[in-house]
Amino acid sequence: MNRPRWRPLTEGWLILVPLAGVTVALAAVAPFFAPMAMFATIAIGLAFRDPERTIERRGDIALSPADGTVLRVERVFDDYWQAELVEVGIFLALADVHVQRIPLDGHVEAQRRRAGGYWPAMLPRAAHRNNQLATYIRTVAGPCTVTQISGLVARRIVNWTRAGDHIAQGERLGMIKFGSQVTLRIPVASEVLVRAGERVRGGVTPIARVTIAG
C-alpha cells in the first residue's frame, strides 16, 4: 500500500484556496491587511508540506511515526491489545511536518476513534482526554498502536489506512491538521532509543530496537 504524496496537499487546498481568495479581496479593498493575510496563507501552506523521505527499512527497528519532540517514554496498559506496552509520546509543533508515517511493517487489525476535548497537545492529559484515532497494527515484533491526537488548534485527524490493509514501514499513515500529539506503543521487550526532549523525524529516526517474534 503506497499513499500518494499529493493527499496532504488535497487536504490543504480546501483551506488555502478560500484563504487566498480573502487575500486577493483584501488587496483590493483594504491593502493594509493584505500582507497579514498573505503571511497566514504561506504559514498554513507550510503546515501541509509533505517532503519525500529516504526510508531505511529494517525489520528490527521501529521508526518514528511523526516529526516533533519526544514528550515522554513510559509503560502503559493498552485496552485493545490487553497488554502492557511501551509508549513514546511525540509533540508536533505548528512548524513541524504534520504527515504521520508507519513505524513497522504489518497488518492493520482495527481502528478506533474516540471523541474528546482539545487540550494543548504538549500536555500529558491530552493523550487521554483529547479527540483521537488509534490504529492497531500487528507487526513482526508483536502488537503496535499508533494514535493520532488532536490539539488546541488541530481539529481534524486524517488517516489513509483501513482495517485489513497490509502496510509497509515508512509509508504515509495520515496527517493531523495544525500541531498535535502522536503516540507509538510497542512491546515492552523493545529497547527504546530516544528520550524526552529529543527531536525525531517521521520515517527516519529510529525510535526503538524491537524483538522479532519467533
N, C-alpha and C. Protein backbone atom coordinates (compact mmCIF):
# COMPACT_ATOMS: atom_id res chain seq x y z
N MET A 1 0.84 -1.20 0.00
CA MET A 1 0.00 0.00 0.00
C MET A 1 0.87 1.24 0.00
N ASN A 2 0.71 2.09 -0.98
CA ASN A 2 1.52 3.30 -1.07
C ASN A 2 0.60 4.51 -1.20
N ARG A 3 0.63 5.37 -0.19
CA ARG A 3 -0.25 6.53 -0.19
C ARG A 3 0.35 7.64 -1.04
N PRO A 4 -0.39 8.15 -2.04
CA PRO A 4 0.13 9.21 -2.90
C PRO A 4 0.52 10.43 -2.09
N ARG A 5 1.63 11.05 -2.43
CA ARG A 5 2.12 12.18 -1.66
C ARG A 5 1.28 13.43 -1.87
N TRP A 6 0.37 13.42 -2.87
CA TRP A 6 -0.47 14.60 -3.06
C TRP A 6 -1.66 14.63 -2.12
N ARG A 7 -1.88 13.57 -1.35
CA ARG A 7 -3.03 13.56 -0.46
C ARG A 7 -3.00 14.69 0.57
N PRO A 8 -1.85 14.96 1.24
CA PRO A 8 -1.81 16.08 2.18
C PRO A 8 -2.11 17.41 1.49
N LEU A 9 -1.64 17.56 0.25
CA LEU A 9 -1.89 18.80 -0.48
C LEU A 9 -3.38 18.97 -0.76
N THR A 10 -4.06 17.87 -1.04
CA THR A 10 -5.50 17.93 -1.26
C THR A 10 -6.21 18.45 -0.02
N GLU A 11 -5.79 17.96 1.15
CA GLU A 11 -6.36 18.45 2.40
C GLU A 11 -6.11 19.95 2.55
N GLY A 12 -4.92 20.39 2.16
CA GLY A 12 -4.54 21.79 2.32
C GLY A 12 -5.29 22.73 1.41
N TRP A 13 -5.55 22.29 0.19
CA TRP A 13 -6.23 23.18 -0.77
C TRP A 13 -7.61 23.59 -0.29
N LEU A 14 -8.25 22.72 0.48
CA LEU A 14 -9.59 23.04 0.97
C LEU A 14 -9.58 24.27 1.87
N ILE A 15 -8.43 24.55 2.46
CA ILE A 15 -8.27 25.74 3.31
C ILE A 15 -7.58 26.86 2.56
N LEU A 16 -6.56 26.49 1.78
CA LEU A 16 -5.71 27.51 1.14
C LEU A 16 -6.43 28.30 0.05
N VAL A 17 -7.27 27.64 -0.73
CA VAL A 17 -7.96 28.35 -1.82
C VAL A 17 -8.87 29.46 -1.28
N PRO A 18 -9.74 29.17 -0.29
CA PRO A 18 -10.55 30.26 0.25
C PRO A 18 -9.71 31.37 0.89
N LEU A 19 -8.63 30.97 1.59
CA LEU A 19 -7.79 31.96 2.23
C LEU A 19 -7.08 32.84 1.20
N ALA A 20 -6.65 32.23 0.10
CA ALA A 20 -6.03 33.01 -0.97
C ALA A 20 -7.02 33.99 -1.57
N GLY A 21 -8.27 33.56 -1.66
CA GLY A 21 -9.31 34.45 -2.17
C GLY A 21 -9.51 35.66 -1.26
N VAL A 22 -9.46 35.41 0.05
CA VAL A 22 -9.57 36.51 1.02
C VAL A 22 -8.40 37.47 0.87
N THR A 23 -7.21 36.93 0.65
CA THR A 23 -6.01 37.76 0.48
C THR A 23 -6.15 38.68 -0.73
N VAL A 24 -6.63 38.13 -1.84
CA VAL A 24 -6.82 38.93 -3.06
C VAL A 24 -7.86 40.01 -2.82
N ALA A 25 -8.94 39.65 -2.14
CA ALA A 25 -10.00 40.63 -1.87
C ALA A 25 -9.50 41.76 -0.99
N LEU A 26 -8.71 41.41 0.03
CA LEU A 26 -8.16 42.43 0.92
C LEU A 26 -7.20 43.36 0.19
N ALA A 27 -6.44 42.78 -0.74
CA ALA A 27 -5.50 43.60 -1.52
C ALA A 27 -6.25 44.67 -2.32
N ALA A 28 -7.48 44.36 -2.68
CA ALA A 28 -8.27 45.30 -3.48
C ALA A 28 -8.98 46.35 -2.63
N VAL A 29 -9.51 45.91 -1.47
CA VAL A 29 -10.34 46.84 -0.68
C VAL A 29 -9.67 47.35 0.59
N ALA A 30 -8.70 46.59 1.12
CA ALA A 30 -8.02 47.00 2.36
C ALA A 30 -6.56 46.57 2.29
N PRO A 31 -5.76 47.24 1.47
CA PRO A 31 -4.37 46.83 1.24
C PRO A 31 -3.53 46.69 2.51
N PHE A 32 -3.87 47.43 3.55
CA PHE A 32 -3.10 47.38 4.79
C PHE A 32 -3.10 45.98 5.40
N PHE A 33 -4.23 45.26 5.26
CA PHE A 33 -4.36 43.94 5.86
C PHE A 33 -3.90 42.80 4.94
N ALA A 34 -3.67 43.11 3.67
CA ALA A 34 -3.30 42.07 2.71
C ALA A 34 -2.02 41.33 3.08
N PRO A 35 -0.94 42.02 3.52
CA PRO A 35 0.29 41.29 3.88
C PRO A 35 0.07 40.28 5.01
N MET A 36 -0.77 40.63 5.98
CA MET A 36 -1.04 39.70 7.08
C MET A 36 -1.77 38.46 6.57
N ALA A 37 -2.72 38.68 5.68
CA ALA A 37 -3.45 37.54 5.11
C ALA A 37 -2.54 36.68 4.26
N MET A 38 -1.63 37.31 3.53
CA MET A 38 -0.68 36.57 2.71
C MET A 38 0.26 35.75 3.58
N PHE A 39 0.72 36.34 4.69
CA PHE A 39 1.59 35.61 5.62
C PHE A 39 0.87 34.40 6.19
N ALA A 40 -0.40 34.57 6.55
CA ALA A 40 -1.18 33.45 7.08
C ALA A 40 -1.33 32.35 6.05
N THR A 41 -1.54 32.73 4.79
CA THR A 41 -1.68 31.74 3.72
C THR A 41 -0.41 30.94 3.55
N ILE A 42 0.74 31.62 3.58
CA ILE A 42 2.03 30.93 3.43
C ILE A 42 2.28 30.01 4.62
N ALA A 43 2.00 30.49 5.83
CA ALA A 43 2.22 29.69 7.03
C ALA A 43 1.37 28.43 7.02
N ILE A 44 0.11 28.56 6.62
CA ILE A 44 -0.76 27.40 6.56
C ILE A 44 -0.31 26.45 5.45
N GLY A 45 0.16 27.01 4.34
CA GLY A 45 0.68 26.18 3.25
C GLY A 45 1.84 25.32 3.71
N LEU A 46 2.72 25.89 4.53
CA LEU A 46 3.87 25.14 5.06
C LEU A 46 3.41 24.00 5.96
N ALA A 47 2.29 24.20 6.65
CA ALA A 47 1.78 23.16 7.55
C ALA A 47 1.34 21.92 6.78
N PHE A 48 1.07 22.07 5.48
CA PHE A 48 0.63 20.94 4.67
C PHE A 48 1.74 20.38 3.79
N ARG A 49 2.97 20.78 4.04
CA ARG A 49 4.07 20.25 3.23
C ARG A 49 4.28 18.77 3.54
N ASP A 50 4.78 18.06 2.56
CA ASP A 50 4.97 16.61 2.70
C ASP A 50 6.26 16.21 2.00
N PRO A 51 7.41 16.49 2.62
CA PRO A 51 8.69 16.20 1.97
C PRO A 51 8.92 14.71 1.78
N GLU A 52 9.54 14.36 0.66
CA GLU A 52 9.91 12.97 0.44
C GLU A 52 10.99 12.58 1.45
N ARG A 53 10.96 11.34 1.90
CA ARG A 53 11.93 10.83 2.86
C ARG A 53 12.58 9.56 2.31
N THR A 54 13.88 9.44 2.54
CA THR A 54 14.57 8.19 2.21
C THR A 54 14.39 7.25 3.39
N ILE A 55 13.65 6.19 3.18
CA ILE A 55 13.31 5.27 4.27
C ILE A 55 14.29 4.10 4.27
N GLU A 56 15.02 3.95 5.36
CA GLU A 56 15.91 2.80 5.54
C GLU A 56 15.14 1.73 6.31
N ARG A 57 14.53 0.83 5.58
CA ARG A 57 13.65 -0.17 6.20
C ARG A 57 14.45 -1.26 6.88
N ARG A 58 14.12 -1.48 8.16
CA ARG A 58 14.74 -2.54 8.96
C ARG A 58 13.68 -3.19 9.82
N GLY A 59 13.60 -4.48 9.74
CA GLY A 59 12.57 -5.19 10.50
C GLY A 59 12.75 -5.12 12.00
N ASP A 60 13.99 -4.89 12.45
CA ASP A 60 14.24 -4.87 13.90
C ASP A 60 14.23 -3.47 14.49
N ILE A 61 13.87 -2.47 13.69
CA ILE A 61 13.86 -1.08 14.15
C ILE A 61 12.48 -0.46 13.91
N ALA A 62 11.90 0.12 14.95
CA ALA A 62 10.66 0.88 14.80
C ALA A 62 11.03 2.33 14.52
N LEU A 63 10.55 2.86 13.40
CA LEU A 63 10.84 4.24 13.04
C LEU A 63 9.82 5.19 13.65
N SER A 64 10.22 6.43 13.81
CA SER A 64 9.31 7.42 14.38
C SER A 64 8.08 7.58 13.49
N PRO A 65 6.89 7.63 14.08
CA PRO A 65 5.69 7.84 13.28
C PRO A 65 5.44 9.30 12.94
N ALA A 66 6.25 10.21 13.51
CA ALA A 66 5.97 11.64 13.31
C ALA A 66 7.21 12.49 13.51
N ASP A 67 7.18 13.69 12.93
CA ASP A 67 8.17 14.72 13.23
C ASP A 67 7.77 15.39 14.54
N GLY A 68 8.75 15.79 15.34
CA GLY A 68 8.41 16.51 16.56
C GLY A 68 9.41 16.30 17.67
N THR A 69 8.96 16.52 18.89
CA THR A 69 9.79 16.41 20.08
C THR A 69 9.21 15.34 21.00
N VAL A 70 10.08 14.45 21.48
CA VAL A 70 9.63 13.38 22.38
C VAL A 70 9.20 13.99 23.71
N LEU A 71 7.97 13.71 24.11
CA LEU A 71 7.43 14.21 25.37
C LEU A 71 7.72 13.28 26.54
N ARG A 72 7.60 11.99 26.29
CA ARG A 72 7.72 11.02 27.39
C ARG A 72 7.95 9.62 26.83
N VAL A 73 8.50 8.77 27.67
CA VAL A 73 8.63 7.34 27.39
C VAL A 73 8.18 6.63 28.65
N GLU A 74 7.13 5.83 28.56
CA GLU A 74 6.59 5.18 29.75
C GLU A 74 5.83 3.92 29.38
N ARG A 75 5.61 3.09 30.39
CA ARG A 75 4.81 1.89 30.19
C ARG A 75 3.34 2.20 30.46
N VAL A 76 2.48 1.69 29.59
CA VAL A 76 1.04 1.90 29.75
C VAL A 76 0.31 0.60 29.42
N PHE A 77 -0.94 0.51 29.85
CA PHE A 77 -1.76 -0.65 29.50
C PHE A 77 -2.61 -0.30 28.29
N ASP A 78 -2.52 -1.12 27.26
CA ASP A 78 -3.29 -0.90 26.04
C ASP A 78 -4.58 -1.73 26.10
N ASP A 79 -5.72 -1.03 26.09
CA ASP A 79 -7.01 -1.71 26.23
C ASP A 79 -7.32 -2.65 25.07
N TYR A 80 -6.90 -2.27 23.87
CA TYR A 80 -7.21 -3.13 22.71
C TYR A 80 -6.41 -4.43 22.77
N TRP A 81 -5.11 -4.31 22.97
CA TRP A 81 -4.25 -5.49 22.97
C TRP A 81 -4.30 -6.23 24.31
N GLN A 82 -4.88 -5.60 25.33
CA GLN A 82 -4.94 -6.19 26.67
C GLN A 82 -3.54 -6.61 27.13
N ALA A 83 -2.62 -5.66 26.99
CA ALA A 83 -1.22 -5.92 27.36
C ALA A 83 -0.54 -4.61 27.72
N GLU A 84 0.51 -4.72 28.52
CA GLU A 84 1.32 -3.55 28.83
C GLU A 84 2.30 -3.32 27.69
N LEU A 85 2.37 -2.08 27.22
CA LEU A 85 3.26 -1.71 26.13
C LEU A 85 4.07 -0.49 26.53
N VAL A 86 5.16 -0.24 25.81
CA VAL A 86 5.94 0.98 26.00
C VAL A 86 5.36 2.06 25.10
N GLU A 87 5.08 3.22 25.67
CA GLU A 87 4.52 4.32 24.89
C GLU A 87 5.53 5.45 24.76
N VAL A 88 5.71 5.91 23.51
CA VAL A 88 6.54 7.08 23.23
C VAL A 88 5.61 8.17 22.72
N GLY A 89 5.53 9.28 23.46
CA GLY A 89 4.68 10.39 23.06
C GLY A 89 5.48 11.46 22.34
N ILE A 90 4.97 11.95 21.22
CA ILE A 90 5.67 12.94 20.39
C ILE A 90 4.78 14.15 20.18
N PHE A 91 5.31 15.33 20.47
CA PHE A 91 4.57 16.58 20.27
C PHE A 91 4.95 17.19 18.93
N LEU A 92 3.94 17.51 18.13
CA LEU A 92 4.15 18.16 16.83
C LEU A 92 3.79 19.63 16.96
N ALA A 93 4.78 20.49 16.82
CA ALA A 93 4.54 21.93 16.86
C ALA A 93 3.96 22.38 15.52
N LEU A 94 3.47 23.61 15.48
CA LEU A 94 2.87 24.12 14.25
C LEU A 94 3.84 24.11 13.08
N ALA A 95 5.14 24.27 13.37
CA ALA A 95 6.14 24.33 12.30
C ALA A 95 6.59 22.96 11.82
N ASP A 96 6.19 21.89 12.50
CA ASP A 96 6.61 20.55 12.11
C ASP A 96 5.80 20.03 10.93
N VAL A 97 6.34 19.02 10.25
CA VAL A 97 5.58 18.31 9.21
C VAL A 97 4.45 17.56 9.90
N HIS A 98 3.25 17.64 9.37
CA HIS A 98 2.08 17.06 10.04
C HIS A 98 1.65 15.72 9.46
N VAL A 99 2.44 15.15 8.57
CA VAL A 99 2.15 13.84 7.99
C VAL A 99 2.76 12.77 8.89
N GLN A 100 1.97 11.75 9.23
CA GLN A 100 2.48 10.64 10.03
C GLN A 100 2.86 9.46 9.13
N ARG A 101 3.82 8.68 9.64
CA ARG A 101 4.31 7.53 8.86
C ARG A 101 4.24 6.24 9.69
N ILE A 102 4.28 5.13 8.98
CA ILE A 102 4.11 3.82 9.59
C ILE A 102 5.44 3.35 10.19
N PRO A 103 5.46 2.96 11.46
CA PRO A 103 6.72 2.63 12.14
C PRO A 103 7.30 1.26 11.80
N LEU A 104 6.44 0.29 11.49
CA LEU A 104 6.87 -1.09 11.22
C LEU A 104 5.97 -1.72 10.17
N ASP A 105 6.52 -2.67 9.41
CA ASP A 105 5.68 -3.46 8.51
C ASP A 105 4.60 -4.16 9.33
N GLY A 106 3.43 -4.31 8.75
CA GLY A 106 2.41 -5.03 9.49
C GLY A 106 1.06 -5.07 8.80
N HIS A 107 0.07 -5.41 9.60
CA HIS A 107 -1.30 -5.58 9.12
C HIS A 107 -2.21 -4.80 10.06
N VAL A 108 -3.03 -3.92 9.51
CA VAL A 108 -3.94 -3.12 10.34
C VAL A 108 -5.09 -4.02 10.80
N GLU A 109 -5.15 -4.25 12.12
CA GLU A 109 -6.22 -5.09 12.66
C GLU A 109 -7.50 -4.31 12.91
N ALA A 110 -7.36 -3.09 13.38
CA ALA A 110 -8.55 -2.30 13.71
C ALA A 110 -8.18 -0.84 13.89
N GLN A 111 -9.20 -0.01 13.92
CA GLN A 111 -9.04 1.42 14.22
C GLN A 111 -10.17 1.84 15.15
N ARG A 112 -9.84 2.73 16.07
CA ARG A 112 -10.86 3.24 16.98
C ARG A 112 -10.74 4.75 17.09
N ARG A 113 -11.83 5.42 16.86
CA ARG A 113 -11.87 6.87 17.03
C ARG A 113 -12.57 7.17 18.36
N ARG A 114 -11.96 8.06 19.15
CA ARG A 114 -12.54 8.42 20.43
C ARG A 114 -12.73 9.92 20.52
N ALA A 115 -13.96 10.33 20.77
CA ALA A 115 -14.25 11.76 20.90
C ALA A 115 -13.69 12.28 22.21
N GLY A 116 -13.29 13.54 22.22
CA GLY A 116 -12.75 14.13 23.43
C GLY A 116 -12.61 15.63 23.29
N GLY A 117 -11.79 16.20 24.15
CA GLY A 117 -11.59 17.64 24.16
C GLY A 117 -10.46 18.08 23.26
N TYR A 118 -10.00 19.30 23.49
CA TYR A 118 -8.93 19.88 22.67
C TYR A 118 -7.93 20.61 23.57
N TRP A 119 -7.37 19.86 24.52
CA TRP A 119 -6.33 20.42 25.38
C TRP A 119 -5.08 20.66 24.55
N PRO A 120 -4.23 21.62 24.97
CA PRO A 120 -2.95 21.82 24.26
C PRO A 120 -2.20 20.50 24.14
N ALA A 121 -1.71 20.19 22.95
CA ALA A 121 -1.15 18.87 22.65
C ALA A 121 0.10 18.53 23.44
N MET A 122 0.81 19.53 23.98
CA MET A 122 2.03 19.23 24.73
C MET A 122 1.75 18.77 26.16
N LEU A 123 0.51 18.88 26.61
CA LEU A 123 0.16 18.48 27.97
C LEU A 123 -0.06 16.97 28.05
N PRO A 124 0.39 16.31 29.13
CA PRO A 124 0.19 14.86 29.28
C PRO A 124 -1.28 14.46 29.20
N ARG A 125 -2.17 15.30 29.74
CA ARG A 125 -3.59 14.95 29.75
C ARG A 125 -4.18 14.86 28.35
N ALA A 126 -3.53 15.51 27.37
CA ALA A 126 -4.05 15.48 26.00
C ALA A 126 -4.12 14.05 25.47
N ALA A 127 -3.16 13.22 25.86
CA ALA A 127 -3.12 11.84 25.36
C ALA A 127 -4.32 11.02 25.83
N HIS A 128 -4.95 11.44 26.91
CA HIS A 128 -6.07 10.68 27.47
C HIS A 128 -7.42 11.35 27.24
N ARG A 129 -7.42 12.69 27.11
CA ARG A 129 -8.69 13.42 27.09
C ARG A 129 -9.06 14.00 25.72
N ASN A 130 -8.11 14.07 24.82
CA ASN A 130 -8.40 14.74 23.55
C ASN A 130 -9.01 13.81 22.51
N ASN A 131 -9.63 14.40 21.51
CA ASN A 131 -10.13 13.68 20.35
C ASN A 131 -8.97 12.92 19.70
N GLN A 132 -9.16 11.65 19.36
CA GLN A 132 -8.04 10.86 18.84
C GLN A 132 -8.50 9.67 18.01
N LEU A 133 -7.55 9.16 17.23
CA LEU A 133 -7.79 7.99 16.39
C LEU A 133 -6.61 7.03 16.55
N ALA A 134 -6.91 5.82 17.02
CA ALA A 134 -5.87 4.81 17.24
C ALA A 134 -5.90 3.78 16.10
N THR A 135 -4.72 3.46 15.58
CA THR A 135 -4.57 2.43 14.56
C THR A 135 -3.80 1.27 15.17
N TYR A 136 -4.40 0.08 15.18
CA TYR A 136 -3.80 -1.09 15.81
C TYR A 136 -3.18 -1.97 14.73
N ILE A 137 -1.88 -2.18 14.85
CA ILE A 137 -1.12 -2.87 13.81
C ILE A 137 -0.47 -4.13 14.38
N ARG A 138 -0.70 -5.25 13.73
CA ARG A 138 0.00 -6.49 14.08
C ARG A 138 1.29 -6.53 13.27
N THR A 139 2.44 -6.49 13.94
CA THR A 139 3.73 -6.42 13.27
C THR A 139 4.56 -7.66 13.56
N VAL A 140 5.73 -7.74 12.91
CA VAL A 140 6.62 -8.87 13.15
C VAL A 140 7.16 -8.86 14.57
N ALA A 141 7.07 -7.70 15.23
CA ALA A 141 7.54 -7.58 16.61
C ALA A 141 6.42 -7.77 17.62
N GLY A 142 5.19 -7.94 17.12
CA GLY A 142 4.06 -8.07 18.01
C GLY A 142 3.11 -6.89 17.88
N PRO A 143 2.30 -6.63 18.90
CA PRO A 143 1.31 -5.55 18.82
C PRO A 143 1.93 -4.17 18.79
N CYS A 144 1.30 -3.28 18.03
CA CYS A 144 1.77 -1.90 17.89
C CYS A 144 0.55 -1.00 17.73
N THR A 145 0.56 0.13 18.42
CA THR A 145 -0.54 1.09 18.30
C THR A 145 0.02 2.47 17.98
N VAL A 146 -0.51 3.08 16.93
CA VAL A 146 -0.18 4.47 16.61
C VAL A 146 -1.44 5.29 16.82
N THR A 147 -1.37 6.29 17.69
CA THR A 147 -2.53 7.11 17.98
C THR A 147 -2.29 8.56 17.57
N GLN A 148 -3.17 9.07 16.75
CA GLN A 148 -3.14 10.47 16.32
C GLN A 148 -4.07 11.25 17.24
N ILE A 149 -3.55 12.29 17.87
CA ILE A 149 -4.29 13.03 18.89
C ILE A 149 -4.40 14.50 18.50
N SER A 150 -5.60 15.02 18.50
CA SER A 150 -5.78 16.43 18.15
C SER A 150 -5.30 17.32 19.29
N GLY A 151 -5.07 18.60 18.97
CA GLY A 151 -4.61 19.55 19.97
C GLY A 151 -5.54 20.74 20.08
N LEU A 152 -5.02 21.82 20.64
CA LEU A 152 -5.82 23.02 20.82
C LEU A 152 -6.22 23.63 19.48
N VAL A 153 -5.28 23.61 18.52
CA VAL A 153 -5.53 24.17 17.19
C VAL A 153 -5.93 23.08 16.21
N ALA A 154 -5.24 21.93 16.30
CA ALA A 154 -5.54 20.82 15.39
C ALA A 154 -6.91 20.24 15.72
N ARG A 155 -7.80 20.25 14.75
CA ARG A 155 -9.16 19.76 15.00
C ARG A 155 -9.56 18.63 14.06
N ARG A 156 -8.72 18.30 13.10
CA ARG A 156 -9.10 17.27 12.13
C ARG A 156 -7.98 16.25 11.98
N ILE A 157 -8.36 14.99 12.18
CA ILE A 157 -7.43 13.87 12.03
C ILE A 157 -7.79 13.13 10.74
N VAL A 158 -6.79 12.91 9.90
CA VAL A 158 -6.97 12.19 8.64
C VAL A 158 -6.12 10.92 8.69
N ASN A 159 -6.70 9.80 8.29
CA ASN A 159 -5.96 8.54 8.27
C ASN A 159 -6.25 7.84 6.95
N TRP A 160 -5.17 7.43 6.26
CA TRP A 160 -5.32 6.83 4.93
C TRP A 160 -5.24 5.31 4.96
N THR A 161 -5.27 4.70 6.14
CA THR A 161 -5.27 3.25 6.24
C THR A 161 -6.64 2.77 6.68
N ARG A 162 -6.88 1.49 6.46
CA ARG A 162 -8.14 0.89 6.87
C ARG A 162 -7.86 -0.50 7.45
N ALA A 163 -8.76 -0.98 8.29
CA ALA A 163 -8.62 -2.33 8.83
C ALA A 163 -8.52 -3.32 7.68
N GLY A 164 -7.54 -4.21 7.77
CA GLY A 164 -7.31 -5.19 6.72
C GLY A 164 -6.15 -4.84 5.81
N ASP A 165 -5.70 -3.59 5.84
CA ASP A 165 -4.58 -3.16 4.99
C ASP A 165 -3.27 -3.80 5.44
N HIS A 166 -2.46 -4.19 4.46
CA HIS A 166 -1.07 -4.57 4.73
C HIS A 166 -0.24 -3.32 4.47
N ILE A 167 0.51 -2.90 5.46
CA ILE A 167 1.22 -1.62 5.38
C ILE A 167 2.72 -1.83 5.54
N ALA A 168 3.49 -0.92 4.95
CA ALA A 168 4.95 -1.03 4.96
C ALA A 168 5.57 0.11 5.75
N GLN A 169 6.66 -0.20 6.40
CA GLN A 169 7.40 0.77 7.20
C GLN A 169 7.76 2.01 6.38
N GLY A 170 7.48 3.17 6.95
CA GLY A 170 7.83 4.43 6.30
C GLY A 170 6.77 5.01 5.39
N GLU A 171 5.74 4.22 5.04
CA GLU A 171 4.66 4.76 4.21
C GLU A 171 3.85 5.79 4.99
N ARG A 172 3.12 6.61 4.26
CA ARG A 172 2.30 7.63 4.89
C ARG A 172 1.07 7.00 5.54
N LEU A 173 0.87 7.33 6.80
CA LEU A 173 -0.27 6.81 7.56
C LEU A 173 -1.45 7.77 7.51
N GLY A 174 -1.16 9.06 7.68
CA GLY A 174 -2.21 10.07 7.72
C GLY A 174 -1.63 11.41 8.11
N MET A 175 -2.48 12.32 8.54
CA MET A 175 -1.99 13.62 8.99
C MET A 175 -2.97 14.23 10.00
N ILE A 176 -2.44 15.13 10.81
CA ILE A 176 -3.26 15.90 11.75
C ILE A 176 -3.05 17.36 11.39
N LYS A 177 -4.12 18.08 11.23
CA LYS A 177 -4.00 19.47 10.78
C LYS A 177 -3.65 20.40 11.94
N PHE A 178 -2.47 21.01 11.84
CA PHE A 178 -2.03 22.08 12.74
C PHE A 178 -1.66 21.63 14.16
N GLY A 179 -0.46 21.12 14.34
CA GLY A 179 0.06 20.86 15.69
C GLY A 179 -0.76 19.81 16.42
N SER A 180 -0.10 18.91 17.13
CA SER A 180 -0.83 17.79 17.68
C SER A 180 0.12 16.92 18.50
N GLN A 181 -0.35 15.72 18.83
CA GLN A 181 0.48 14.74 19.51
C GLN A 181 0.25 13.38 18.86
N VAL A 182 1.31 12.60 18.75
CA VAL A 182 1.22 11.24 18.23
C VAL A 182 1.89 10.32 19.24
N THR A 183 1.26 9.20 19.54
CA THR A 183 1.89 8.23 20.44
C THR A 183 2.12 6.92 19.70
N LEU A 184 3.22 6.30 20.03
CA LEU A 184 3.57 4.98 19.48
C LEU A 184 3.69 4.01 20.64
N ARG A 185 2.98 2.90 20.56
CA ARG A 185 3.08 1.85 21.57
C ARG A 185 3.64 0.59 20.94
N ILE A 186 4.64 0.02 21.60
CA ILE A 186 5.33 -1.17 21.11
C ILE A 186 5.58 -2.12 22.28
N PRO A 187 5.92 -3.39 22.01
CA PRO A 187 6.13 -4.34 23.10
C PRO A 187 7.18 -3.89 24.12
N VAL A 188 6.98 -4.28 25.37
CA VAL A 188 7.88 -3.86 26.45
C VAL A 188 9.28 -4.44 26.30
N ALA A 189 9.42 -5.49 25.49
CA ALA A 189 10.74 -6.07 25.26
C ALA A 189 11.61 -5.19 24.36
N SER A 190 11.02 -4.16 23.78
CA SER A 190 11.75 -3.27 22.87
C SER A 190 12.77 -2.43 23.63
N GLU A 191 13.88 -2.12 22.95
CA GLU A 191 14.90 -1.23 23.51
C GLU A 191 14.67 0.17 22.94
N VAL A 192 14.13 1.05 23.76
CA VAL A 192 13.83 2.41 23.30
C VAL A 192 15.13 3.19 23.11
N LEU A 193 15.24 3.87 21.97
CA LEU A 193 16.48 4.55 21.59
C LEU A 193 16.40 6.06 21.72
N VAL A 194 15.27 6.58 22.19
CA VAL A 194 15.11 8.04 22.34
C VAL A 194 14.68 8.35 23.77
N ARG A 195 14.74 9.61 24.12
CA ARG A 195 14.29 10.04 25.44
C ARG A 195 13.61 11.40 25.34
N ALA A 196 12.94 11.79 26.40
CA ALA A 196 12.20 13.05 26.41
C ALA A 196 13.10 14.22 26.06
N GLY A 197 12.60 15.09 25.20
CA GLY A 197 13.34 16.27 24.78
C GLY A 197 14.04 16.14 23.45
N GLU A 198 14.20 14.91 22.95
CA GLU A 198 14.89 14.70 21.67
C GLU A 198 13.96 15.01 20.49
N ARG A 199 14.56 15.50 19.41
CA ARG A 199 13.84 15.74 18.17
C ARG A 199 13.85 14.47 17.32
N VAL A 200 12.72 14.18 16.68
CA VAL A 200 12.62 13.00 15.83
C VAL A 200 11.98 13.38 14.50
N ARG A 201 12.22 12.54 13.47
CA ARG A 201 11.65 12.77 12.15
C ARG A 201 10.89 11.52 11.72
N GLY A 202 9.67 11.73 11.24
CA GLY A 202 8.83 10.62 10.83
C GLY A 202 9.43 9.80 9.69
N GLY A 203 9.48 8.48 9.88
CA GLY A 203 10.01 7.60 8.86
C GLY A 203 11.51 7.59 8.76
N VAL A 204 12.19 8.33 9.65
CA VAL A 204 13.65 8.44 9.58
C VAL A 204 14.31 8.05 10.90
N THR A 205 13.88 8.65 12.00
CA THR A 205 14.53 8.44 13.29
C THR A 205 14.18 7.08 13.89
N PRO A 206 15.18 6.26 14.24
CA PRO A 206 14.90 5.00 14.95
C PRO A 206 14.37 5.31 16.35
N ILE A 207 13.20 4.79 16.66
CA ILE A 207 12.60 5.00 17.98
C ILE A 207 12.97 3.88 18.94
N ALA A 208 13.01 2.66 18.41
CA ALA A 208 13.30 1.51 19.28
C ALA A 208 13.82 0.34 18.47
N ARG A 209 14.61 -0.48 19.14
CA ARG A 209 15.03 -1.76 18.56
C ARG A 209 14.07 -2.81 19.09
N VAL A 210 13.40 -3.50 18.18
CA VAL A 210 12.36 -4.45 18.59
C VAL A 210 12.85 -5.88 18.42
N THR A 211 12.17 -6.78 19.10
CA THR A 211 12.49 -8.20 19.01
C THR A 211 11.53 -8.86 18.03
N ILE A 212 12.07 -9.49 17.01
CA ILE A 212 11.23 -10.15 16.01
C ILE A 212 10.56 -11.37 16.64
N ALA A 213 9.25 -11.45 16.51
CA ALA A 213 8.51 -12.57 17.09
C ALA A 213 8.89 -13.86 16.38
N GLY A 214 9.10 -14.91 17.15
CA GLY A 214 9.51 -16.18 16.59
C GLY A 214 8.35 -16.94 15.94
